[in-house]
Amino acid sequence: MSETLKPPIVIDPQNVPEIMCDGQFNLSVSGPLAKLTFTQNRPDATALFRDGTMDIKGIVCARIVLATPNLVALRDLLNRIVLDQGIPIPPAGGAKH
């Protein structure tokens, strides 16, 4: 008897905010986990308020750690989005329950 595995229902009870990450990013893989680190370019607050100068720094604003199978799912999702622009893309990855 085979059961169809379904992903869990997705909820957002804490209304997690979106974070602008328009700077450099990095990916590091260690064993079964992958870590994506994102940055945003911002002026250094000390220099800005002390001297009025714009000393731009890449500030780390988000780190996301995911299992490598989800990294593969993310890659596949991004490939579909780039190749099929304008077509709605369903969610991907995650353990099935």
PDB file of N, CA and C in Angstrom:
ATOM      1  N   MET A   1       0.855  -1.176   0.000  1.00  0.00           N
ATOM      2  CA  MET A   1       0.000   0.000   0.000  1.00  0.00           C
ATOM      3  C   MET A   1       0.902   1.240   0.000  1.00  0.00           C
ATOM      4  N   SER A   2       0.786   2.072  -1.010  1.00  0.00           N
ATOM      5  CA  SER A   2       1.648   3.241  -1.071  1.00  0.00           C
ATOM      6  C   SER A   2       0.863   4.488  -0.688  1.00  0.00           C
ATOM      7  N   GLU A   3       1.495   5.281   0.139  1.00  0.00           N
ATOM      8  CA  GLU A   3       0.886   6.538   0.566  1.00  0.00           C
ATOM      9  C   GLU A   3       1.508   7.683  -0.225  1.00  0.00           C
ATOM     10  N   THR A   4       0.695   8.638  -0.626  1.00  0.00           N
ATOM     11  CA  THR A   4       1.210   9.835  -1.263  1.00  0.00           C
ATOM     12  C   THR A   4       1.702  10.769  -0.167  1.00  0.00           C
ATOM     13  N   LEU A   5       2.984  11.127  -0.257  1.00  0.00           N
ATOM     14  CA  LEU A   5       3.544  12.039   0.735  1.00  0.00           C
ATOM     15  C   LEU A   5       3.206  13.464   0.348  1.00  0.00           C
ATOM     16  N   LYS A   6       2.688  14.208   1.294  1.00  0.00           N
ATOM     17  CA  LYS A   6       2.283  15.585   1.042  1.00  0.00           C
ATOM     18  C   LYS A   6       3.119  16.528   1.899  1.00  0.00           C
ATOM     19  N   PRO A   7       3.475  17.695   1.352  1.00  0.00           N
ATOM     20  CA  PRO A   7       4.193  18.666   2.178  1.00  0.00           C
ATOM     21  C   PRO A   7       3.258  19.233   3.236  1.00  0.00           C
ATOM     22  N   PRO A   8       3.821  19.679   4.373  1.00  0.00           N
ATOM     23  CA  PRO A   8       2.964  20.271   5.401  1.00  0.00           C
ATOM     24  C   PRO A   8       2.356  21.589   4.918  1.00  0.00           C
ATOM     25  N   ILE A   9       1.256  21.975   5.516  1.00  0.00           N
ATOM     26  CA  ILE A   9       0.650  23.272   5.224  1.00  0.00           C
ATOM     27  C   ILE A   9       1.607  24.361   5.714  1.00  0.00           C
ATOM     28  N   VAL A  10       1.784  25.408   4.919  1.00  0.00           N
ATOM     29  CA  VAL A  10       2.686  26.503   5.272  1.00  0.00           C
ATOM     30  C   VAL A  10       1.897  27.610   5.950  1.00  0.00           C
ATOM     31  N   ILE A  11       2.365  28.046   7.131  1.00  0.00           N
ATOM     32  CA  ILE A  11       1.747  29.169   7.841  1.00  0.00           C
ATOM     33  C   ILE A  11       2.836  30.176   8.206  1.00  0.00           C
ATOM     34  N   ASP A  12       2.462  31.383   8.535  1.00  0.00           N
ATOM     35  CA  ASP A  12       3.404  32.453   8.896  1.00  0.00           C
ATOM     36  C   ASP A  12       2.862  33.218  10.103  1.00  0.00           C
ATOM     37  N   PRO A  13       2.755  32.549  11.269  1.00  0.00           N
ATOM     38  CA  PRO A  13       2.115  33.195  12.416  1.00  0.00           C
ATOM     39  C   PRO A  13       2.887  34.392  12.975  1.00  0.00           C
ATOM     40  N   GLN A  14       4.204  34.452  12.729  1.00  0.00           N
ATOM     41  CA  GLN A  14       4.987  35.584  13.247  1.00  0.00           C
ATOM     42  C   GLN A  14       5.177  36.667  12.200  1.00  0.00           C
ATOM     43  N   ASN A  15       4.565  36.475  11.022  1.00  0.00           N
ATOM     44  CA  ASN A  15       4.666  37.447   9.941  1.00  0.00           C
ATOM     45  C   ASN A  15       6.135  37.856   9.715  1.00  0.00           C
ATOM     46  N   VAL A  16       6.971  36.860   9.405  1.00  0.00           N
ATOM     47  CA  VAL A  16       8.406  37.078   9.234  1.00  0.00           C
ATOM     48  C   VAL A  16       8.634  38.138   8.164  1.00  0.00           C
ATOM     49  N   PRO A  17       9.420  39.175   8.475  1.00  0.00           N
ATOM     50  CA  PRO A  17       9.597  40.277   7.525  1.00  0.00           C
ATOM     51  C   PRO A  17      10.518  39.899   6.366  1.00  0.00           C
ATOM     52  N   GLU A  18      10.328  40.566   5.244  1.00  0.00           N
ATOM     53  CA  GLU A  18      11.247  40.443   4.122  1.00  0.00           C
ATOM     54  C   GLU A  18      12.451  41.333   4.417  1.00  0.00           C
ATOM     55  N   ILE A  19      13.622  40.883   3.977  1.00  0.00           N
ATOM     56  CA  ILE A  19      14.849  41.642   4.193  1.00  0.00           C
ATOM     57  C   ILE A  19      15.479  41.920   2.836  1.00  0.00           C
ATOM     58  N   MET A  20      15.828  43.179   2.577  1.00  0.00           N
ATOM     59  CA  MET A  20      16.472  43.538   1.320  1.00  0.00           C
ATOM     60  C   MET A  20      17.919  43.078   1.357  1.00  0.00           C
ATOM     61  N   CYS A  21      18.303  42.227   0.428  1.00  0.00           N
ATOM     62  CA  CYS A  21      19.665  41.709   0.323  1.00  0.00           C
ATOM     63  C   CYS A  21      20.123  41.900  -1.114  1.00  0.00           C
ATOM     64  N   ASP A  22      20.620  43.099  -1.428  1.00  0.00           N
ATOM     65  CA  ASP A  22      20.968  43.441  -2.796  1.00  0.00           C
ATOM     66  C   ASP A  22      22.477  43.559  -2.984  1.00  0.00           C
ATOM     67  N   GLY A  23      23.256  43.039  -2.032  1.00  0.00           N
ATOM     68  CA  GLY A  23      24.707  43.083  -2.141  1.00  0.00           C
ATOM     69  C   GLY A  23      25.253  41.730  -2.556  1.00  0.00           C
ATOM     70  N   GLN A  24      26.506  41.496  -2.227  1.00  0.00           N
ATOM     71  CA  GLN A  24      27.137  40.215  -2.533  1.00  0.00           C
ATOM     72  C   GLN A  24      26.487  39.103  -1.722  1.00  0.00           C
ATOM     73  N   PHE A  25      26.645  37.890  -2.204  1.00  0.00           N
ATOM     74  CA  PHE A  25      26.200  36.741  -1.429  1.00  0.00           C
ATOM     75  C   PHE A  25      27.220  35.629  -1.583  1.00  0.00           C
ATOM     76  N   ASN A  26      27.145  34.657  -0.681  1.00  0.00           N
ATOM     77  CA  ASN A  26      28.098  33.562  -0.669  1.00  0.00           C
ATOM     78  C   ASN A  26      27.380  32.278  -0.308  1.00  0.00           C
ATOM     79  N   LEU A  27      27.901  31.179  -0.804  1.00  0.00           N
ATOM     80  CA  LEU A  27      27.385  29.863  -0.462  1.00  0.00           C
ATOM     81  C   LEU A  27      28.540  29.017   0.035  1.00  0.00           C
ATOM     82  N   SER A  28      28.385  28.414   1.207  1.00  0.00           N
ATOM     83  CA  SER A  28      29.376  27.460   1.700  1.00  0.00           C
ATOM     84  C   SER A  28      28.659  26.170   2.066  1.00  0.00           C
ATOM     85  N   VAL A  29      29.283  25.060   1.706  1.00  0.00           N
ATOM     86  CA  VAL A  29      28.696  23.748   1.965  1.00  0.00           C
ATOM     87  C   VAL A  29      29.628  22.991   2.892  1.00  0.00           C
ATOM     88  N   SER A  30      29.047  22.417   3.928  1.00  0.00           N
ATOM     89  CA  SER A  30      29.806  21.619   4.890  1.00  0.00           C
ATOM     90  C   SER A  30      29.002  20.369   5.202  1.00  0.00           C
ATOM     91  N   GLY A  31      29.420  19.251   4.607  1.00  0.00           N
ATOM     92  CA  GLY A  31      28.699  18.007   4.831  1.00  0.00           C
ATOM     93  C   GLY A  31      27.287  18.099   4.291  1.00  0.00           C
ATOM     94  N   PRO A  32      26.295  17.772   5.123  1.00  0.00           N
ATOM     95  CA  PRO A  32      24.912  17.746   4.654  1.00  0.00           C
ATOM     96  C   PRO A  32      24.214  19.106   4.675  1.00  0.00           C
ATOM     97  N   LEU A  33      24.940  20.164   5.070  1.00  0.00           N
ATOM     98  CA  LEU A  33      24.317  21.488   5.191  1.00  0.00           C
ATOM     99  C   LEU A  33      24.970  22.506   4.268  1.00  0.00           C
ATOM    100  N   ALA A  34      24.166  23.429   3.780  1.00  0.00           N
ATOM    101  CA  ALA A  34      24.644  24.538   2.957  1.00  0.00           C
ATOM    102  C   ALA A  34      24.224  25.844   3.640  1.00  0.00           C
ATOM    103  N   LYS A  35      25.127  26.820   3.637  1.00  0.00           N
ATOM    104  CA  LYS A  35      24.820  28.113   4.261  1.00  0.00           C
ATOM    105  C   LYS A  35      24.912  29.212   3.202  1.00  0.00           C
ATOM    106  N   LEU A  36      23.790  29.906   3.003  1.00  0.00           N
ATOM    107  CA  LEU A  36      23.739  31.070   2.132  1.00  0.00           C
ATOM    108  C   LEU A  36      23.867  32.313   3.007  1.00  0.00           C
ATOM    109  N   THR A  37      24.820  33.182   2.673  1.00  0.00           N
ATOM    110  CA  THR A  37      25.010  34.436   3.406  1.00  0.00           C
ATOM    111  C   THR A  37      24.761  35.582   2.439  1.00  0.00           C
ATOM    112  N   PHE A  38      23.882  36.507   2.831  1.00  0.00           N
ATOM    113  CA  PHE A  38      23.499  37.631   1.986  1.00  0.00           C
ATOM    114  C   PHE A  38      23.929  38.942   2.623  1.00  0.00           C
ATOM    115  N   THR A  39      24.237  39.934   1.792  1.00  0.00           N
ATOM    116  CA  THR A  39      24.640  41.254   2.284  1.00  0.00           C
ATOM    117  C   THR A  39      23.808  42.350   1.639  1.00  0.00           C
ATOM    118  N   GLN A  40      23.882  43.509   2.244  1.00  0.00           N
ATOM    119  CA  GLN A  40      23.283  44.733   1.711  1.00  0.00           C
ATOM    120  C   GLN A  40      24.320  45.830   1.849  1.00  0.00           C
ATOM    121  N   ASN A  41      24.538  46.611   0.794  1.00  0.00           N
ATOM    122  CA  ASN A  41      25.498  47.709   0.861  1.00  0.00           C
ATOM    123  C   ASN A  41      24.870  48.885   1.584  1.00  0.00           C
ATOM    124  N   ARG A  42      25.550  49.331   2.632  1.00  0.00           N
ATOM    125  CA  ARG A  42      25.057  50.458   3.437  1.00  0.00           C
ATOM    126  C   ARG A  42      26.231  51.337   3.851  1.00  0.00           C
ATOM    127  N   PRO A  43      25.974  52.621   4.083  1.00  0.00           N
ATOM    128  CA  PRO A  43      27.046  53.467   4.603  1.00  0.00           C
ATOM    129  C   PRO A  43      27.349  53.093   6.048  1.00  0.00           C
ATOM    130  N   ASP A  44      28.632  53.141   6.394  1.00  0.00           N
ATOM    131  CA  ASP A  44      29.039  52.894   7.781  1.00  0.00           C
ATOM    132  C   ASP A  44      28.440  53.995   8.655  1.00  0.00           C
ATOM    133  N   ALA A  45      27.639  53.610   9.631  1.00  0.00           N
ATOM    134  CA  ALA A  45      26.911  54.591  10.457  1.00  0.00           C
ATOM    135  C   ALA A  45      27.863  55.494  11.236  1.00  0.00           C
ATOM    136  N   THR A  46      28.982  54.952  11.737  1.00  0.00           N
ATOM    137  CA  THR A  46      29.923  55.773  12.515  1.00  0.00           C
ATOM    138  C   THR A  46      30.501  56.886  11.658  1.00  0.00           C
ATOM    139  N   ALA A  47      31.002  56.539  10.470  1.00  0.00           N
ATOM    140  CA  ALA A  47      31.576  57.557   9.579  1.00  0.00           C
ATOM    141  C   ALA A  47      30.512  58.545   9.116  1.00  0.00           C
ATOM    142  N   LEU A  48      29.325  58.048   8.851  1.00  0.00           N
ATOM    143  CA  LEU A  48      28.245  58.903   8.371  1.00  0.00           C
ATOM    144  C   LEU A  48      27.885  59.971   9.396  1.00  0.00           C
ATOM    145  N   PHE A  49      27.739  59.557  10.653  1.00  0.00           N
ATOM    146  CA  PHE A  49      27.325  60.511  11.688  1.00  0.00           C
ATOM    147  C   PHE A  49      28.492  61.290  12.288  1.00  0.00           C
ATOM    148  N   ARG A  50      29.698  60.726  12.255  1.00  0.00           N
ATOM    149  CA  ARG A  50      30.855  61.430  12.805  1.00  0.00           C
ATOM    150  C   ARG A  50      31.389  62.464  11.828  1.00  0.00           C
ATOM    151  N   ASP A  51      31.631  62.012  10.559  1.00  0.00           N
ATOM    152  CA  ASP A  51      32.284  62.884   9.579  1.00  0.00           C
ATOM    153  C   ASP A  51      31.349  63.323   8.453  1.00  0.00           C
ATOM    154  N   GLY A  52      30.208  62.673   8.339  1.00  0.00           N
ATOM    155  CA  GLY A  52      29.322  62.950   7.225  1.00  0.00           C
ATOM    156  C   GLY A  52      29.802  62.298   5.932  1.00  0.00           C
ATOM    157  N   THR A  53      30.702  61.293   6.046  1.00  0.00           N
ATOM    158  CA  THR A  53      31.223  60.629   4.848  1.00  0.00           C
ATOM    159  C   THR A  53      30.479  59.329   4.584  1.00  0.00           C
ATOM    160  N   MET A  54      30.457  58.951   3.313  1.00  0.00           N
ATOM    161  CA  MET A  54      29.772  57.736   2.892  1.00  0.00           C
ATOM    162  C   MET A  54      30.803  56.622   2.692  1.00  0.00           C
ATOM    163  N   ASP A  55      31.103  55.899   3.764  1.00  0.00           N
ATOM    164  CA  ASP A  55      32.011  54.755   3.696  1.00  0.00           C
ATOM    165  C   ASP A  55      31.129  53.499   3.582  1.00  0.00           C
ATOM    166  N   ILE A  56      30.941  53.040   2.329  1.00  0.00           N
ATOM    167  CA  ILE A  56      30.002  51.943   2.070  1.00  0.00           C
ATOM    168  C   ILE A  56      30.609  50.605   2.497  1.00  0.00           C
ATOM    169  N   LYS A  57      29.828  49.841   3.229  1.00  0.00           N
ATOM    170  CA  LYS A  57      30.224  48.511   3.695  1.00  0.00           C
ATOM    171  C   LYS A  57      29.162  47.509   3.248  1.00  0.00           C
ATOM    172  N   GLY A  58      29.598  46.283   2.967  1.00  0.00           N
ATOM    173  CA  GLY A  58      28.669  45.192   2.707  1.00  0.00           C
ATOM    174  C   GLY A  58      28.284  44.575   4.041  1.00  0.00           C
ATOM    175  N   ILE A  59      27.086  44.821   4.499  1.00  0.00           N
ATOM    176  CA  ILE A  59      26.636  44.367   5.818  1.00  0.00           C
ATOM    177  C   ILE A  59      25.892  43.042   5.666  1.00  0.00           C
ATOM    178  N   VAL A  60      26.314  42.029   6.438  1.00  0.00           N
ATOM    179  CA  VAL A  60      25.593  40.755   6.414  1.00  0.00           C
ATOM    180  C   VAL A  60      24.209  40.994   7.001  1.00  0.00           C
ATOM    181  N   CYS A  61      23.185  40.651   6.224  1.00  0.00           N
ATOM    182  CA  CYS A  61      21.820  40.900   6.694  1.00  0.00           C
ATOM    183  C   CYS A  61      20.994  39.627   6.808  1.00  0.00           C
ATOM    184  N   ALA A  62      21.495  38.502   6.280  1.00  0.00           N
ATOM    185  CA  ALA A  62      20.750  37.250   6.422  1.00  0.00           C
ATOM    186  C   ALA A  62      21.679  36.064   6.194  1.00  0.00           C
ATOM    187  N   ARG A  63      21.478  35.025   6.977  1.00  0.00           N
ATOM    188  CA  ARG A  63      22.142  33.740   6.774  1.00  0.00           C
ATOM    189  C   ARG A  63      21.063  32.671   6.810  1.00  0.00           C
ATOM    190  N   ILE A  64      21.064  31.829   5.812  1.00  0.00           N
ATOM    191  CA  ILE A  64      20.080  30.751   5.739  1.00  0.00           C
ATOM    192  C   ILE A  64      20.835  29.438   5.609  1.00  0.00           C
ATOM    193  N   VAL A  65      20.560  28.521   6.526  1.00  0.00           N
ATOM    194  CA  VAL A  65      21.185  27.205   6.488  1.00  0.00           C
ATOM    195  C   VAL A  65      20.119  26.205   6.048  1.00  0.00           C
ATOM    196  N   LEU A  66      20.459  25.396   5.060  1.00  0.00           N
ATOM    197  CA  LEU A  66      19.514  24.406   4.570  1.00  0.00           C
ATOM    198  C   LEU A  66      20.236  23.106   4.256  1.00  0.00           C
ATOM    199  N   ALA A  67      19.498  22.008   4.253  1.00  0.00           N
ATOM    200  CA  ALA A  67      20.046  20.710   3.906  1.00  0.00           C
ATOM    201  C   ALA A  67      20.396  20.704   2.419  1.00  0.00           C
ATOM    202  N   THR A  68      21.445  19.978   2.044  1.00  0.00           N
ATOM    203  CA  THR A  68      21.875  19.984   0.643  1.00  0.00           C
ATOM    204  C   THR A  68      20.789  19.508  -0.327  1.00  0.00           C
ATOM    205  N   PRO A  69      19.895  18.564   0.031  1.00  0.00           N
ATOM    206  CA  PRO A  69      18.814  18.259  -0.918  1.00  0.00           C
ATOM    207  C   PRO A  69      17.923  19.482  -1.195  1.00  0.00           C
ATOM    208  N   ASN A  70      17.734  20.342  -0.199  1.00  0.00           N
ATOM    209  CA  ASN A  70      16.964  21.566  -0.430  1.00  0.00           C
ATOM    210  C   ASN A  70      17.762  22.570  -1.259  1.00  0.00           C
ATOM    211  N   LEU A  71      19.085  22.528  -1.156  1.00  0.00           N
ATOM    212  CA  LEU A  71      19.912  23.376  -2.012  1.00  0.00           C
ATOM    213  C   LEU A  71      19.722  22.963  -3.476  1.00  0.00           C
ATOM    214  N   VAL A  72      19.688  21.675  -3.722  1.00  0.00           N
ATOM    215  CA  VAL A  72      19.448  21.166  -5.079  1.00  0.00           C
ATOM    216  C   VAL A  72      18.053  21.591  -5.546  1.00  0.00           C
ATOM    217  N   ALA A  73      17.056  21.492  -4.660  1.00  0.00           N
ATOM    218  CA  ALA A  73      15.695  21.920  -5.015  1.00  0.00           C
ATOM    219  C   ALA A  73      15.666  23.420  -5.314  1.00  0.00           C
ATOM    220  N   LEU A  74      16.418  24.216  -4.547  1.00  0.00           N
ATOM    221  CA  LEU A  74      16.495  25.662  -4.792  1.00  0.00           C
ATOM    222  C   LEU A  74      17.128  25.932  -6.151  1.00  0.00           C
ATOM    223  N   ARG A  75      18.196  25.206  -6.464  1.00  0.00           N
ATOM    224  CA  ARG A  75      18.839  25.358  -7.779  1.00  0.00           C
ATOM    225  C   ARG A  75      17.844  25.066  -8.892  1.00  0.00           C
ATOM    226  N   ASP A  76      17.120  23.953  -8.758  1.00  0.00           N
ATOM    227  CA  ASP A  76      16.151  23.569  -9.788  1.00  0.00           C
ATOM    228  C   ASP A  76      15.033  24.607  -9.915  1.00  0.00           C
ATOM    229  N   LEU A  77      14.564  25.119  -8.779  1.00  0.00           N
ATOM    230  CA  LEU A  77      13.530  26.153  -8.786  1.00  0.00           C
ATOM    231  C   LEU A  77      14.030  27.410  -9.499  1.00  0.00           C
ATOM    232  N   LEU A  78      15.255  27.846  -9.189  1.00  0.00           N
ATOM    233  CA  LEU A  78      15.818  29.038  -9.833  1.00  0.00           C
ATOM    234  C   LEU A  78      16.004  28.814 -11.329  1.00  0.00           C
ATOM    235  N   ASN A  79      16.427  27.616 -11.716  1.00  0.00           N
ATOM    236  CA  ASN A  79      16.558  27.315 -13.144  1.00  0.00           C
ATOM    237  C   ASN A  79      15.221  27.411 -13.854  1.00  0.00           C
ATOM    238  N   ARG A  80      14.159  26.881 -13.232  1.00  0.00           N
ATOM    239  CA  ARG A  80      12.831  26.954 -13.843  1.00  0.00           C
ATOM    240  C   ARG A  80      12.355  28.403 -13.952  1.00  0.00           C
ATOM    241  N   ILE A  81      12.614  29.193 -12.926  1.00  0.00           N
ATOM    242  CA  ILE A  81      12.188  30.596 -12.942  1.00  0.00           C
ATOM    243  C   ILE A  81      12.901  31.357 -14.062  1.00  0.00           C
ATOM    244  N   VAL A  82      14.192  31.125 -14.226  1.00  0.00           N
ATOM    245  CA  VAL A  82      14.959  31.825 -15.251  1.00  0.00           C
ATOM    246  C   VAL A  82      14.530  31.374 -16.647  1.00  0.00           C
ATOM    247  N   LEU A  83      14.297  30.083 -16.808  1.00  0.00           N
ATOM    248  CA  LEU A  83      13.931  29.564 -18.127  1.00  0.00           C
ATOM    249  C   LEU A  83      12.477  29.829 -18.499  1.00  0.00           C
ATOM    250  N   ASP A  84      11.583  29.807 -17.502  1.00  0.00           N
ATOM    251  CA  ASP A  84      10.141  29.934 -17.755  1.00  0.00           C
ATOM    252  C   ASP A  84       9.596  31.232 -17.173  1.00  0.00           C
ATOM    253  N   GLN A  85      10.211  32.352 -17.514  1.00  0.00           N
ATOM    254  CA  GLN A  85       9.787  33.628 -16.945  1.00  0.00           C
ATOM    255  C   GLN A  85       8.327  33.882 -17.272  1.00  0.00           C
ATOM    256  N   GLY A  86       7.591  34.331 -16.268  1.00  0.00           N
ATOM    257  CA  GLY A  86       6.193  34.663 -16.447  1.00  0.00           C
ATOM    258  C   GLY A  86       5.248  33.525 -16.132  1.00  0.00           C
ATOM    259  N   ILE A  87       5.784  32.305 -15.996  1.00  0.00           N
ATOM    260  CA  ILE A  87       4.938  31.159 -15.660  1.00  0.00           C
ATOM    261  C   ILE A  87       5.001  30.952 -14.148  1.00  0.00           C
ATOM    262  N   PRO A  88       3.868  30.880 -13.459  1.00  0.00           N
ATOM    263  CA  PRO A  88       3.893  30.664 -12.013  1.00  0.00           C
ATOM    264  C   PRO A  88       4.640  29.377 -11.666  1.00  0.00           C
ATOM    265  N   ILE A  89       5.527  29.466 -10.681  1.00  0.00           N
ATOM    266  CA  ILE A  89       6.348  28.323 -10.274  1.00  0.00           C
ATOM    267  C   ILE A  89       5.880  27.857  -8.899  1.00  0.00           C
ATOM    268  N   PRO A  90       5.549  26.580  -8.749  1.00  0.00           N
ATOM    269  CA  PRO A  90       5.128  26.084  -7.439  1.00  0.00           C
ATOM    270  C   PRO A  90       6.309  25.990  -6.481  1.00  0.00           C
ATOM    271  N   PRO A  91       6.053  25.959  -5.163  1.00  0.00           N
ATOM    272  CA  PRO A  91       7.124  25.809  -4.189  1.00  0.00           C
ATOM    273  C   PRO A  91       7.872  24.503  -4.411  1.00  0.00           C
ATOM    274  N   ALA A  92       9.097  24.427  -3.868  1.00  0.00           N
ATOM    275  CA  ALA A  92       9.917  23.231  -4.045  1.00  0.00           C
ATOM    276  C   ALA A  92      10.649  22.908  -2.760  1.00  0.00           C
ATOM    277  N   GLY A  93      11.169  21.685  -2.687  1.00  0.00           N
ATOM    278  CA  GLY A  93      12.012  21.264  -1.576  1.00  0.00           C
ATOM    279  C   GLY A  93      11.211  20.933  -0.329  1.00  0.00           C
ATOM    280  N   GLY A  94      11.945  20.676   0.725  1.00  0.00           N
ATOM    281  CA  GLY A  94      11.311  20.360   2.004  1.00  0.00           C
ATOM    282  C   GLY A  94      11.001  18.883   2.138  1.00  0.00           C
ATOM    283  N   ALA A  95      10.967  18.425   3.361  1.00  0.00           N
ATOM    284  CA  ALA A  95      10.622  17.037   3.628  1.00  0.00           C
ATOM    285  C   ALA A  95       9.141  16.812   3.400  1.00  0.00           C
ATOM    286  N   LYS A  96       8.808  15.674   2.909  1.00  0.00           N
ATOM    287  CA  LYS A  96       7.397  15.300   2.726  1.00  0.00           C
ATOM    288  C   LYS A  96       6.935  14.516   3.948  1.00  0.00           C
ATOM    289  N   HIS A  97       5.724  14.778   4.389  1.00  0.00           N
ATOM    290  CA  HIS A  97       5.186  14.078   5.571  1.00  0.00           C
ATOM    291  C   HIS A  97       3.981  13.272   5.195  1.00  0.00           C
TER     292      HIS A  97
END
